[in-house]
């Protein structure tokens, strides 16, 4: 599956990127991820093989990544909803939960529970 962009109130959700136009490496490092480039590649591979769906939660006017949220299928038409936010940006993650859960259900046919506070 190709990554899907989502609008969540005041926030814009998009796939993580590390290419010649945009790199999320520095932003991902802020989540204490040692090899951010490898994490971004793995997140994009997850979209491709539908094993994990990860979004950067961004400020729409600047594109700054302030949170990460993801859906991880667990089998039997269920999935774990996981996410983390940078300090001071819990509202961005909270606002992303509803739209991402609706995407999981409507587009993927997966039921999610509440948000787990872990990296996607």
PDB file of N, CA and C in Angstrom:
ATOM      1  N   UNK A   1       0.841  -1.169   0.000  1.00  0.00           N
ATOM      2  CA  UNK A   1       0.000   0.000   0.000  1.00  0.00           C
ATOM      3  C   UNK A   1       0.891   1.237   0.000  1.00  0.00           C
ATOM      4  N   UNK A   2       0.478   2.225  -0.741  1.00  0.00           N
ATOM      5  CA  UNK A   2       1.160   3.519  -0.716  1.00  0.00           C
ATOM      6  C   UNK A   2       0.749   4.270   0.546  1.00  0.00           C
ATOM      7  N   UNK A   3       1.644   5.059   1.146  1.00  0.00           N
ATOM      8  CA  UNK A   3       1.282   5.839   2.330  1.00  0.00           C
ATOM      9  C   UNK A   3       0.115   6.775   2.045  1.00  0.00           C
ATOM     10  N   UNK A   4      -0.710   6.958   3.051  1.00  0.00           N
ATOM     11  CA  UNK A   4      -1.904   7.790   2.955  1.00  0.00           C
ATOM     12  C   UNK A   4      -1.725   9.002   3.858  1.00  0.00           C
ATOM     13  N   UNK A   5      -1.993  10.176   3.328  1.00  0.00           N
ATOM     14  CA  UNK A   5      -1.924  11.395   4.123  1.00  0.00           C
ATOM     15  C   UNK A   5      -3.270  11.616   4.794  1.00  0.00           C
ATOM     16  N   UNK A   6      -3.229  12.157   6.022  1.00  0.00           N
ATOM     17  CA  UNK A   6      -4.434  12.338   6.819  1.00  0.00           C
ATOM     18  C   UNK A   6      -4.389  13.731   7.441  1.00  0.00           C
ATOM     19  N   UNK A   7      -5.537  14.384   7.478  1.00  0.00           N
ATOM     20  CA  UNK A   7      -5.643  15.636   8.228  1.00  0.00           C
ATOM     21  C   UNK A   7      -6.347  15.336   9.535  1.00  0.00           C
ATOM     22  N   UNK A   8      -5.772  15.815  10.630  1.00  0.00           N
ATOM     23  CA  UNK A   8      -6.309  15.560  11.963  1.00  0.00           C
ATOM     24  C   UNK A   8      -6.474  16.889  12.684  1.00  0.00           C
ATOM     25  N   UNK A   9      -7.562  17.564  12.406  1.00  0.00           N
ATOM     26  CA  UNK A   9      -7.779  18.868  13.024  1.00  0.00           C
ATOM     27  C   UNK A   9      -6.714  19.843  12.574  1.00  0.00           C
ATOM     28  N   UNK A  10      -5.941  20.320  13.524  1.00  0.00           N
ATOM     29  CA  UNK A  10      -4.902  21.303  13.223  1.00  0.00           C
ATOM     30  C   UNK A  10      -3.603  20.662  12.760  1.00  0.00           C
ATOM     31  N   UNK A  11      -3.577  19.340  12.587  1.00  0.00           N
ATOM     32  CA  UNK A  11      -2.347  18.623  12.288  1.00  0.00           C
ATOM     33  C   UNK A  11      -2.435  17.898  10.962  1.00  0.00           C
ATOM     34  N   UNK A  12      -1.290  17.711  10.360  1.00  0.00           N
ATOM     35  CA  UNK A  12      -1.161  17.029   9.081  1.00  0.00           C
ATOM     36  C   UNK A  12      -0.338  15.771   9.309  1.00  0.00           C
ATOM     37  N   UNK A  13      -0.848  14.626   8.890  1.00  0.00           N
ATOM     38  CA  UNK A  13      -0.149  13.359   9.057  1.00  0.00           C
ATOM     39  C   UNK A  13       0.323  12.870   7.700  1.00  0.00           C
ATOM     40  N   UNK A  14       1.585  12.468   7.650  1.00  0.00           N
ATOM     41  CA  UNK A  14       2.158  11.966   6.408  1.00  0.00           C
ATOM     42  C   UNK A  14       3.184  10.887   6.732  1.00  0.00           C
ATOM     43  N   UNK A  15       3.557  10.137   5.725  1.00  0.00           N
ATOM     44  CA  UNK A  15       4.593   9.118   5.900  1.00  0.00           C
ATOM     45  C   UNK A  15       5.920   9.800   6.224  1.00  0.00           C
ATOM     46  N   UNK A  16       6.769   9.094   6.930  1.00  0.00           N
ATOM     47  CA  UNK A  16       8.116   9.591   7.193  1.00  0.00           C
ATOM     48  C   UNK A  16       8.910   9.623   5.893  1.00  0.00           C
ATOM     49  N   UNK A  17       9.814  10.594   5.796  1.00  0.00           N
ATOM     50  CA  UNK A  17      10.591  10.736   4.557  1.00  0.00           C
ATOM     51  C   UNK A  17      12.050  10.977   4.864  1.00  0.00           C
ATOM     52  N   UNK A  18      12.867  10.518   3.945  1.00  0.00           N
ATOM     53  CA  UNK A  18      14.302  10.820   3.954  1.00  0.00           C
ATOM     54  C   UNK A  18      14.768  10.737   2.507  1.00  0.00           C
ATOM     55  N   UNK A  19      14.549  11.824   1.785  1.00  0.00           N
ATOM     56  CA  UNK A  19      14.916  11.851   0.372  1.00  0.00           C
ATOM     57  C   UNK A  19      15.520  13.214   0.037  1.00  0.00           C
ATOM     58  N   UNK A  20      15.709  13.488  -1.231  1.00  0.00           N
ATOM     59  CA  UNK A  20      16.366  14.737  -1.627  1.00  0.00           C
ATOM     60  C   UNK A  20      15.491  15.971  -1.434  1.00  0.00           C
ATOM     61  N   UNK A  21      14.202  15.790  -1.161  1.00  0.00           N
ATOM     62  CA  UNK A  21      13.305  16.931  -0.952  1.00  0.00           C
ATOM     63  C   UNK A  21      12.990  17.192   0.518  1.00  0.00           C
ATOM     64  N   UNK A  22      12.963  16.117   1.321  1.00  0.00           N
ATOM     65  CA  UNK A  22      12.586  16.258   2.725  1.00  0.00           C
ATOM     66  C   UNK A  22      13.212  15.127   3.532  1.00  0.00           C
ATOM     67  N   UNK A  23      13.778  15.468   4.670  1.00  0.00           N
ATOM     68  CA  UNK A  23      14.352  14.446   5.550  1.00  0.00           C
ATOM     69  C   UNK A  23      13.813  14.624   6.963  1.00  0.00           C
ATOM     70  N   UNK A  24      13.265  13.539   7.500  1.00  0.00           N
ATOM     71  CA  UNK A  24      12.781  13.510   8.879  1.00  0.00           C
ATOM     72  C   UNK A  24      13.823  12.950   9.841  1.00  0.00           C
ATOM     73  N   UNK A  25      15.039  12.742   9.380  1.00  0.00           N
ATOM     74  CA  UNK A  25      16.058  12.107  10.215  1.00  0.00           C
ATOM     75  C   UNK A  25      16.255  12.870  11.528  1.00  0.00           C
ATOM     76  N   UNK A  26      16.458  14.163  11.479  1.00  0.00           N
ATOM     77  CA  UNK A  26      16.700  14.945  12.697  1.00  0.00           C
ATOM     78  C   UNK A  26      15.477  14.892  13.614  1.00  0.00           C
ATOM     79  N   UNK A  27      14.294  15.016  13.057  1.00  0.00           N
ATOM     80  CA  UNK A  27      13.074  14.957  13.866  1.00  0.00           C
ATOM     81  C   UNK A  27      12.923  13.602  14.532  1.00  0.00           C
ATOM     82  N   UNK A  28      13.188  12.525  13.808  1.00  0.00           N
ATOM     83  CA  UNK A  28      13.063  11.178  14.362  1.00  0.00           C
ATOM     84  C   UNK A  28      14.094  10.955  15.464  1.00  0.00           C
ATOM     85  N   UNK A  29      15.271  11.519  15.323  1.00  0.00           N
ATOM     86  CA  UNK A  29      16.285  11.405  16.374  1.00  0.00           C
ATOM     87  C   UNK A  29      15.807  12.007  17.686  1.00  0.00           C
ATOM     88  N   UNK A  30      14.908  12.991  17.631  1.00  0.00           N
ATOM     89  CA  UNK A  30      14.368  13.617  18.843  1.00  0.00           C
ATOM     90  C   UNK A  30      13.503  12.657  19.649  1.00  0.00           C
ATOM     91  N   UNK A  31      13.134  11.527  19.067  1.00  0.00           N
ATOM     92  CA  UNK A  31      12.356  10.504  19.763  1.00  0.00           C
ATOM     93  C   UNK A  31      13.273   9.401  20.299  1.00  0.00           C
ATOM     94  N   UNK A  32      14.549   9.718  20.464  1.00  0.00           N
ATOM     95  CA  UNK A  32      15.556   8.776  20.979  1.00  0.00           C
ATOM     96  C   UNK A  32      15.668   7.519  20.130  1.00  0.00           C
ATOM     97  N   UNK A  33      15.600   7.693  18.827  1.00  0.00           N
ATOM     98  CA  UNK A  33      15.797   6.588  17.889  1.00  0.00           C
ATOM     99  C   UNK A  33      17.212   6.728  17.342  1.00  0.00           C
ATOM    100  N   UNK A  34      18.050   5.750  17.665  1.00  0.00           N
ATOM    101  CA  UNK A  34      19.481   5.832  17.354  1.00  0.00           C
ATOM    102  C   UNK A  34      19.767   5.919  15.865  1.00  0.00           C
ATOM    103  N   UNK A  35      19.201   5.034  15.072  1.00  0.00           N
ATOM    104  CA  UNK A  35      19.442   5.028  13.629  1.00  0.00           C
ATOM    105  C   UNK A  35      18.165   5.482  12.931  1.00  0.00           C
ATOM    106  N   UNK A  36      17.980   6.800  12.899  1.00  0.00           N
ATOM    107  CA  UNK A  36      16.745   7.377  12.372  1.00  0.00           C
ATOM    108  C   UNK A  36      16.526   7.030  10.905  1.00  0.00           C
ATOM    109  N   UNK A  37      17.580   7.028  10.112  1.00  0.00           N
ATOM    110  CA  UNK A  37      17.428   6.710   8.685  1.00  0.00           C
ATOM    111  C   UNK A  37      16.919   5.276   8.508  1.00  0.00           C
ATOM    112  N   UNK A  38      17.441   4.340   9.291  1.00  0.00           N
ATOM    113  CA  UNK A  38      16.980   2.948   9.218  1.00  0.00           C
ATOM    114  C   UNK A  38      15.539   2.835   9.696  1.00  0.00           C
ATOM    115  N   UNK A  39      15.184   3.588  10.732  1.00  0.00           N
ATOM    116  CA  UNK A  39      13.807   3.591  11.237  1.00  0.00           C
ATOM    117  C   UNK A  39      12.845   4.067  10.151  1.00  0.00           C
ATOM    118  N   UNK A  40      13.216   5.132   9.454  1.00  0.00           N
ATOM    119  CA  UNK A  40      12.368   5.671   8.386  1.00  0.00           C
ATOM    120  C   UNK A  40      12.225   4.653   7.259  1.00  0.00           C
ATOM    121  N   UNK A  41      13.319   4.011   6.879  1.00  0.00           N
ATOM    122  CA  UNK A  41      13.245   2.960   5.832  1.00  0.00           C
ATOM    123  C   UNK A  41      12.319   1.830   6.271  1.00  0.00           C
ATOM    124  N   UNK A  42      12.452   1.395   7.524  1.00  0.00           N
ATOM    125  CA  UNK A  42      11.603   0.311   8.035  1.00  0.00           C
ATOM    126  C   UNK A  42      10.139   0.734   8.079  1.00  0.00           C
ATOM    127  N   UNK A  43       9.881   1.985   8.447  1.00  0.00           N
ATOM    128  CA  UNK A  43       8.495   2.475   8.465  1.00  0.00           C
ATOM    129  C   UNK A  43       7.907   2.467   7.060  1.00  0.00           C
ATOM    130  N   UNK A  44       8.685   2.875   6.085  1.00  0.00           N
ATOM    131  CA  UNK A  44       8.195   2.871   4.706  1.00  0.00           C
ATOM    132  C   UNK A  44       8.047   1.453   4.165  1.00  0.00           C
ATOM    133  N   UNK A  45       8.928   0.552   4.569  1.00  0.00           N
ATOM    134  CA  UNK A  45       8.768  -0.857   4.199  1.00  0.00           C
ATOM    135  C   UNK A  45       7.480  -1.417   4.801  1.00  0.00           C
ATOM    136  N   UNK A  46       7.138  -0.966   6.001  1.00  0.00           N
ATOM    137  CA  UNK A  46       5.899  -1.397   6.644  1.00  0.00           C
ATOM    138  C   UNK A  46       4.670  -1.015   5.840  1.00  0.00           C
ATOM    139  N   UNK A  47       4.675   0.189   5.266  1.00  0.00           N
ATOM    140  CA  UNK A  47       3.572   0.583   4.386  1.00  0.00           C
ATOM    141  C   UNK A  47       3.526  -0.351   3.181  1.00  0.00           C
ATOM    142  N   UNK A  48       4.682  -0.611   2.592  1.00  0.00           N
ATOM    143  CA  UNK A  48       4.749  -1.418   1.367  1.00  0.00           C
ATOM    144  C   UNK A  48       4.237  -2.838   1.581  1.00  0.00           C
ATOM    145  N   UNK A  49       4.599  -3.452   2.722  1.00  0.00           N
ATOM    146  CA  UNK A  49       4.153  -4.831   2.948  1.00  0.00           C
ATOM    147  C   UNK A  49       2.956  -4.921   3.903  1.00  0.00           C
ATOM    148  N   UNK A  50       2.418  -3.761   4.272  1.00  0.00           N
ATOM    149  CA  UNK A  50       1.231  -3.643   5.122  1.00  0.00           C
ATOM    150  C   UNK A  50       1.393  -4.312   6.483  1.00  0.00           C
ATOM    151  N   UNK A  51       2.622  -4.246   7.011  1.00  0.00           N
ATOM    152  CA  UNK A  51       2.882  -4.811   8.332  1.00  0.00           C
ATOM    153  C   UNK A  51       2.882  -3.746   9.432  1.00  0.00           C
ATOM    154  N   UNK A  52       2.988  -2.468   9.031  1.00  0.00           N
ATOM    155  CA  UNK A  52       3.038  -1.359   9.984  1.00  0.00           C
ATOM    156  C   UNK A  52       2.761  -0.084   9.213  1.00  0.00           C
ATOM    157  N   UNK A  53       1.961   0.791   9.793  1.00  0.00           N
ATOM    158  CA  UNK A  53       1.583   2.040   9.149  1.00  0.00           C
ATOM    159  C   UNK A  53       1.950   3.178  10.098  1.00  0.00           C
ATOM    160  N   UNK A  54       2.974   3.957   9.732  1.00  0.00           N
ATOM    161  CA  UNK A  54       3.498   5.003  10.609  1.00  0.00           C
ATOM    162  C   UNK A  54       3.358   6.360   9.941  1.00  0.00           C
ATOM    163  N   UNK A  55       2.887   7.325  10.731  1.00  0.00           N
ATOM    164  CA  UNK A  55       2.760   8.700  10.256  1.00  0.00           C
ATOM    165  C   UNK A  55       3.590   9.633  11.120  1.00  0.00           C
ATOM    166  N   UNK A  56       4.126  10.665  10.488  1.00  0.00           N
ATOM    167  CA  UNK A  56       4.671  11.817  11.187  1.00  0.00           C
ATOM    168  C   UNK A  56       3.500  12.766  11.397  1.00  0.00           C
ATOM    169  N   UNK A  57       3.307  13.227  12.620  1.00  0.00           N
ATOM    170  CA  UNK A  57       2.272  14.219  12.913  1.00  0.00           C
ATOM    171  C   UNK A  57       2.967  15.571  12.837  1.00  0.00           C
ATOM    172  N   UNK A  58       2.527  16.388  11.888  1.00  0.00           N
ATOM    173  CA  UNK A  58       3.260  17.607  11.551  1.00  0.00           C
ATOM    174  C   UNK A  58       2.428  18.868  11.721  1.00  0.00           C
ATOM    175  N   UNK A  59       3.130  19.950  12.001  1.00  0.00           N
ATOM    176  CA  UNK A  59       2.528  21.281  11.972  1.00  0.00           C
ATOM    177  C   UNK A  59       2.322  21.616  10.496  1.00  0.00           C
ATOM    178  N   UNK A  60       1.091  21.890  10.057  1.00  0.00           N
ATOM    179  CA  UNK A  60       0.850  22.076   8.625  1.00  0.00           C
ATOM    180  C   UNK A  60       1.596  23.255   7.996  1.00  0.00           C
ATOM    181  N   UNK A  61       1.810  24.314   8.746  1.00  0.00           N
ATOM    182  CA  UNK A  61       2.441  25.497   8.159  1.00  0.00           C
ATOM    183  C   UNK A  61       3.950  25.368   8.012  1.00  0.00           C
ATOM    184  N   UNK A  62       4.578  24.519   8.833  1.00  0.00           N
ATOM    185  CA  UNK A  62       6.031  24.395   8.787  1.00  0.00           C
ATOM    186  C   UNK A  62       6.506  22.998   8.389  1.00  0.00           C
ATOM    187  N   UNK A  63       5.648  22.009   8.544  1.00  0.00           N
ATOM    188  CA  UNK A  63       6.030  20.630   8.272  1.00  0.00           C
ATOM    189  C   UNK A  63       6.817  19.996   9.403  1.00  0.00           C
ATOM    190  N   UNK A  64       6.988  20.700  10.512  1.00  0.00           N
ATOM    191  CA  UNK A  64       7.747  20.176  11.652  1.00  0.00           C
ATOM    192  C   UNK A  64       7.052  18.941  12.234  1.00  0.00           C
ATOM    193  N   UNK A  65       7.799  17.869  12.409  1.00  0.00           N
ATOM    194  CA  UNK A  65       7.275  16.637  12.994  1.00  0.00           C
ATOM    195  C   UNK A  65       7.308  16.764  14.512  1.00  0.00           C
ATOM    196  N   UNK A  66       6.108  16.668  15.128  1.00  0.00           N
ATOM    197  CA  UNK A  66       6.022  16.821  16.580  1.00  0.00           C
ATOM    198  C   UNK A  66       5.569  15.545  17.284  1.00  0.00           C
ATOM    199  N   UNK A  67       5.131  14.544  16.504  1.00  0.00           N
ATOM    200  CA  UNK A  67       4.718  13.267  17.083  1.00  0.00           C
ATOM    201  C   UNK A  67       4.804  12.192  16.018  1.00  0.00           C
ATOM    202  N   UNK A  68       4.796  10.956  16.474  1.00  0.00           N
ATOM    203  CA  UNK A  68       4.723   9.791  15.594  1.00  0.00           C
ATOM    204  C   UNK A  68       3.539   8.959  16.051  1.00  0.00           C
ATOM    205  N   UNK A  69       2.773   8.443  15.107  1.00  0.00           N
ATOM    206  CA  UNK A  69       1.653   7.567  15.430  1.00  0.00           C
ATOM    207  C   UNK A  69       1.637   6.428  14.423  1.00  0.00           C
ATOM    208  N   UNK A  70       1.238   5.270  14.895  1.00  0.00           N
ATOM    209  CA  UNK A  70       1.229   4.126  14.000  1.00  0.00           C
ATOM    210  C   UNK A  70       0.162   3.114  14.332  1.00  0.00           C
ATOM    211  N   UNK A  71      -0.150   2.302  13.335  1.00  0.00           N
ATOM    212  CA  UNK A  71      -1.066   1.179  13.453  1.00  0.00           C
ATOM    213  C   UNK A  71      -0.247  -0.063  13.147  1.00  0.00           C
ATOM    214  N   UNK A  72      -0.253  -1.003  14.084  1.00  0.00           N
ATOM    215  CA  UNK A  72       0.493  -2.245  13.908  1.00  0.00           C
ATOM    216  C   UNK A  72      -0.487  -3.404  13.958  1.00  0.00           C
ATOM    217  N   UNK A  73      -0.766  -4.032  12.805  1.00  0.00           N
ATOM    218  CA  UNK A  73      -1.687  -5.171  12.803  1.00  0.00           C
ATOM    219  C   UNK A  73      -1.175  -6.283  13.722  1.00  0.00           C
ATOM    220  N   UNK A  74      -2.114  -6.859  14.486  1.00  0.00           N
ATOM    221  CA  UNK A  74      -1.756  -7.915  15.432  1.00  0.00           C
ATOM    222  C   UNK A  74      -2.427  -9.239  15.098  1.00  0.00           C
ATOM    223  N   UNK A  75      -3.208  -9.273  14.028  1.00  0.00           N
ATOM    224  CA  UNK A  75      -3.907 -10.499  13.638  1.00  0.00           C
ATOM    225  C   UNK A  75      -5.362 -10.451  14.048  1.00  0.00           C
ATOM    226  N   UNK A  76      -6.143 -11.355  13.476  1.00  0.00           N
ATOM    227  CA  UNK A  76      -7.576 -11.448  13.801  1.00  0.00           C
ATOM    228  C   UNK A  76      -8.302 -10.117  13.648  1.00  0.00           C
ATOM    229  N   UNK A  77      -7.966  -9.355  12.616  1.00  0.00           N
ATOM    230  CA  UNK A  77      -8.624  -8.079  12.323  1.00  0.00           C
ATOM    231  C   UNK A  77      -8.488  -7.046  13.438  1.00  0.00           C
ATOM    232  N   UNK A  78      -7.404  -7.118  14.196  1.00  0.00           N
ATOM    233  CA  UNK A  78      -7.139  -6.138  15.235  1.00  0.00           C
ATOM    234  C   UNK A  78      -5.771  -5.505  14.994  1.00  0.00           C
ATOM    235  N   UNK A  79      -5.552  -4.376  15.640  1.00  0.00           N
ATOM    236  CA  UNK A  79      -4.267  -3.688  15.519  1.00  0.00           C
ATOM    237  C   UNK A  79      -3.998  -2.903  16.784  1.00  0.00           C
ATOM    238  N   UNK A  80      -2.729  -2.694  17.043  1.00  0.00           N
ATOM    239  CA  UNK A  80      -2.315  -1.854  18.152  1.00  0.00           C
ATOM    240  C   UNK A  80      -2.124  -0.436  17.620  1.00  0.00           C
ATOM    241  N   UNK A  81      -2.615   0.531  18.359  1.00  0.00           N
ATOM    242  CA  UNK A  81      -2.451   1.937  18.027  1.00  0.00           C
ATOM    243  C   UNK A  81      -1.382   2.477  18.974  1.00  0.00           C
ATOM    244  N   UNK A  82      -0.269   2.944  18.409  1.00  0.00           N
ATOM    245  CA  UNK A  82       0.869   3.376  19.218  1.00  0.00           C
ATOM    246  C   UNK A  82       1.327   4.760  18.795  1.00  0.00           C
ATOM    247  N   UNK A  83       1.913   5.494  19.733  1.00  0.00           N
ATOM    248  CA  UNK A  83       2.408   6.812  19.368  1.00  0.00           C
ATOM    249  C   UNK A  83       3.179   7.484  20.481  1.00  0.00           C
ATOM    250  N   UNK A  84       3.981   8.436  20.089  1.00  0.00           N
ATOM    251  CA  UNK A  84       4.752   9.263  21.019  1.00  0.00           C
ATOM    252  C   UNK A  84       4.751  10.693  20.512  1.00  0.00           C
ATOM    253  N   UNK A  85       4.860  11.621  21.455  1.00  0.00           N
ATOM    254  CA  UNK A  85       4.900  13.041  21.095  1.00  0.00           C
ATOM    255  C   UNK A  85       6.124  13.678  21.742  1.00  0.00           C
ATOM    256  N   UNK A  86       6.641  14.698  21.084  1.00  0.00           N
ATOM    257  CA  UNK A  86       7.702  15.493  21.699  1.00  0.00           C
ATOM    258  C   UNK A  86       7.110  16.263  22.866  1.00  0.00           C
ATOM    259  N   UNK A  87       7.966  16.644  23.810  1.00  0.00           N
ATOM    260  CA  UNK A  87       7.509  17.436  24.953  1.00  0.00           C
ATOM    261  C   UNK A  87       6.736  18.652  24.470  1.00  0.00           C
ATOM    262  N   UNK A  88       5.590  18.871  25.096  1.00  0.00           N
ATOM    263  CA  UNK A  88       4.763  20.022  24.754  1.00  0.00           C
ATOM    264  C   UNK A  88       3.828  19.804  23.581  1.00  0.00           C
ATOM    265  N   UNK A  89       3.802  18.593  23.011  1.00  0.00           N
ATOM    266  CA  UNK A  89       2.975  18.347  21.829  1.00  0.00           C
ATOM    267  C   UNK A  89       2.038  17.156  21.985  1.00  0.00           C
ATOM    268  N   UNK A  90       1.659  16.857  23.223  1.00  0.00           N
ATOM    269  CA  UNK A  90       0.720  15.751  23.459  1.00  0.00           C
ATOM    270  C   UNK A  90      -0.604  15.992  22.735  1.00  0.00           C
ATOM    271  N   UNK A  91      -0.995  17.263  22.583  1.00  0.00           N
ATOM    272  CA  UNK A  91      -2.243  17.574  21.895  1.00  0.00           C
ATOM    273  C   UNK A  91      -2.224  17.111  20.439  1.00  0.00           C
ATOM    274  N   UNK A  92      -1.080  17.174  19.795  1.00  0.00           N
ATOM    275  CA  UNK A  92      -0.968  16.729  18.401  1.00  0.00           C
ATOM    276  C   UNK A  92      -1.230  15.230  18.312  1.00  0.00           C
ATOM    277  N   UNK A  93      -0.644  14.480  19.222  1.00  0.00           N
ATOM    278  CA  UNK A  93      -0.848  13.037  19.241  1.00  0.00           C
ATOM    279  C   UNK A  93      -2.297  12.707  19.577  1.00  0.00           C
ATOM    280  N   UNK A  94      -2.855  13.384  20.569  1.00  0.00           N
ATOM    281  CA  UNK A  94      -4.253  13.158  20.939  1.00  0.00           C
ATOM    282  C   UNK A  94      -5.190  13.418  19.771  1.00  0.00           C
ATOM    283  N   UNK A  95      -4.951  14.494  19.030  1.00  0.00           N
ATOM    284  CA  UNK A  95      -5.803  14.829  17.889  1.00  0.00           C
ATOM    285  C   UNK A  95      -5.675  13.826  16.747  1.00  0.00           C
ATOM    286  N   UNK A  96      -4.544  13.141  16.659  1.00  0.00           N
ATOM    287  CA  UNK A  96      -4.314  12.183  15.579  1.00  0.00           C
ATOM    288  C   UNK A  96      -4.978  10.837  15.831  1.00  0.00           C
ATOM    289  N   UNK A  97      -5.265  10.514  17.081  1.00  0.00           N
ATOM    290  CA  UNK A  97      -5.795   9.192  17.430  1.00  0.00           C
ATOM    291  C   UNK A  97      -7.093   8.873  16.682  1.00  0.00           C
ATOM    292  N   UNK A  98      -8.062   9.756  16.730  1.00  0.00           N
ATOM    293  CA  UNK A  98      -9.356   9.492  16.087  1.00  0.00           C
ATOM    294  C   UNK A  98      -9.243   9.247  14.596  1.00  0.00           C
ATOM    295  N   UNK A  99      -8.626  10.152  13.843  1.00  0.00           N
ATOM    296  CA  UNK A  99      -8.501   9.940  12.405  1.00  0.00           C
ATOM    297  C   UNK A  99      -7.715   8.682  12.038  1.00  0.00           C
ATOM    298  N   UNK A 100      -6.662   8.371  12.791  1.00  0.00           N
ATOM    299  CA  UNK A 100      -5.868   7.179  12.489  1.00  0.00           C
ATOM    300  C   UNK A 100      -6.669   5.920  12.816  1.00  0.00           C
ATOM    301  N   UNK A 101      -7.383   5.919  13.927  1.00  0.00           N
ATOM    302  CA  UNK A 101      -8.225   4.762  14.267  1.00  0.00           C
ATOM    303  C   UNK A 101      -9.308   4.561  13.213  1.00  0.00           C
ATOM    304  N   UNK A 102      -9.890   5.652  12.722  1.00  0.00           N
ATOM    305  CA  UNK A 102     -10.913   5.544  11.663  1.00  0.00           C
ATOM    306  C   UNK A 102     -10.298   5.021  10.368  1.00  0.00           C
ATOM    307  N   UNK A 103      -9.081   5.448  10.051  1.00  0.00           N
ATOM    308  CA  UNK A 103      -8.389   4.917   8.870  1.00  0.00           C
ATOM    309  C   UNK A 103      -8.168   3.418   9.030  1.00  0.00           C
ATOM    310  N   UNK A 104      -7.701   3.002  10.201  1.00  0.00           N
ATOM    311  CA  UNK A 104      -7.443   1.581  10.444  1.00  0.00           C
ATOM    312  C   UNK A 104      -8.710   0.762  10.233  1.00  0.00           C
ATOM    313  N   UNK A 105      -9.814   1.271  10.732  1.00  0.00           N
ATOM    314  CA  UNK A 105     -11.068   0.533  10.599  1.00  0.00           C
ATOM    315  C   UNK A 105     -11.622   0.591   9.180  1.00  0.00           C
ATOM    316  N   UNK A 106     -11.708   1.786   8.617  1.00  0.00           N
ATOM    317  CA  UNK A 106     -12.337   1.956   7.309  1.00  0.00           C
ATOM    318  C   UNK A 106     -11.506   1.454   6.144  1.00  0.00           C
ATOM    319  N   UNK A 107     -10.217   1.745   6.145  1.00  0.00           N
ATOM    320  CA  UNK A 107      -9.374   1.387   5.005  1.00  0.00           C
ATOM    321  C   UNK A 107      -8.708   0.025   5.155  1.00  0.00           C
ATOM    322  N   UNK A 108      -8.442  -0.366   6.408  1.00  0.00           N
ATOM    323  CA  UNK A 108      -7.705  -1.607   6.631  1.00  0.00           C
ATOM    324  C   UNK A 108      -8.566  -2.723   7.216  1.00  0.00           C
ATOM    325  N   UNK A 109      -9.760  -2.368   7.688  1.00  0.00           N
ATOM    326  CA  UNK A 109     -10.629  -3.363   8.302  1.00  0.00           C
ATOM    327  C   UNK A 109     -10.116  -3.850   9.643  1.00  0.00           C
ATOM    328  N   UNK A 110      -9.370  -2.989  10.355  1.00  0.00           N
ATOM    329  CA  UNK A 110      -8.768  -3.368  11.632  1.00  0.00           C
ATOM    330  C   UNK A 110      -9.395  -2.586  12.781  1.00  0.00           C
ATOM    331  N   UNK A 111      -9.653  -3.261  13.865  1.00  0.00           N
ATOM    332  CA  UNK A 111     -10.154  -2.626  15.076  1.00  0.00           C
ATOM    333  C   UNK A 111      -8.975  -2.327  15.985  1.00  0.00           C
ATOM    334  N   UNK A 112      -8.934  -1.096  16.493  1.00  0.00           N
ATOM    335  CA  UNK A 112      -7.853  -0.707  17.392  1.00  0.00           C
ATOM    336  C   UNK A 112      -8.413  -0.453  18.783  1.00  0.00           C
ATOM    337  N   UNK A 113      -7.563  -0.571  19.767  1.00  0.00           N
ATOM    338  CA  UNK A 113      -7.924  -0.201  21.132  1.00  0.00           C
ATOM    339  C   UNK A 113      -7.430   1.205  21.390  1.00  0.00           C
ATOM    340  N   UNK A 114      -7.223   1.521  22.633  1.00  0.00           N
ATOM    341  CA  UNK A 114      -6.690   2.823  22.996  1.00  0.00           C
ATOM    342  C   UNK A 114      -5.234   2.952  22.599  1.00  0.00           C
ATOM    343  N   UNK A 115      -4.749   4.155  22.685  1.00  0.00           N
ATOM    344  CA  UNK A 115      -3.378   4.467  22.303  1.00  0.00           C
ATOM    345  C   UNK A 115      -2.385   3.946  23.338  1.00  0.00           C
ATOM    346  N   UNK A 116      -1.385   3.222  22.885  1.00  0.00           N
ATOM    347  CA  UNK A 116      -0.264   2.809  23.734  1.00  0.00           C
ATOM    348  C   UNK A 116       0.854   3.823  23.565  1.00  0.00           C
ATOM    349  N   UNK A 117       1.438   4.232  24.650  1.00  0.00           N
ATOM    350  CA  UNK A 117       2.482   5.253  24.619  1.00  0.00           C
ATOM    351  C   UNK A 117       3.848   4.610  24.334  1.00  0.00           C
ATOM    352  N   UNK A 118       4.000   4.148  23.093  1.00  0.00           N
ATOM    353  CA  UNK A 118       5.273   3.576  22.641  1.00  0.00           C
ATOM    354  C   UNK A 118       5.520   4.042  21.222  1.00  0.00           C
ATOM    355  N   UNK A 119       6.768   3.948  20.810  1.00  0.00           N
ATOM    356  CA  UNK A 119       7.096   4.346  19.434  1.00  0.00           C
ATOM    357  C   UNK A 119       6.474   3.362  18.455  1.00  0.00           C
ATOM    358  N   UNK A 120       5.927   3.878  17.369  1.00  0.00           N
ATOM    359  CA  UNK A 120       5.364   2.983  16.343  1.00  0.00           C
ATOM    360  C   UNK A 120       6.444   2.265  15.554  1.00  0.00           C
TER     361      UNK A 120
END
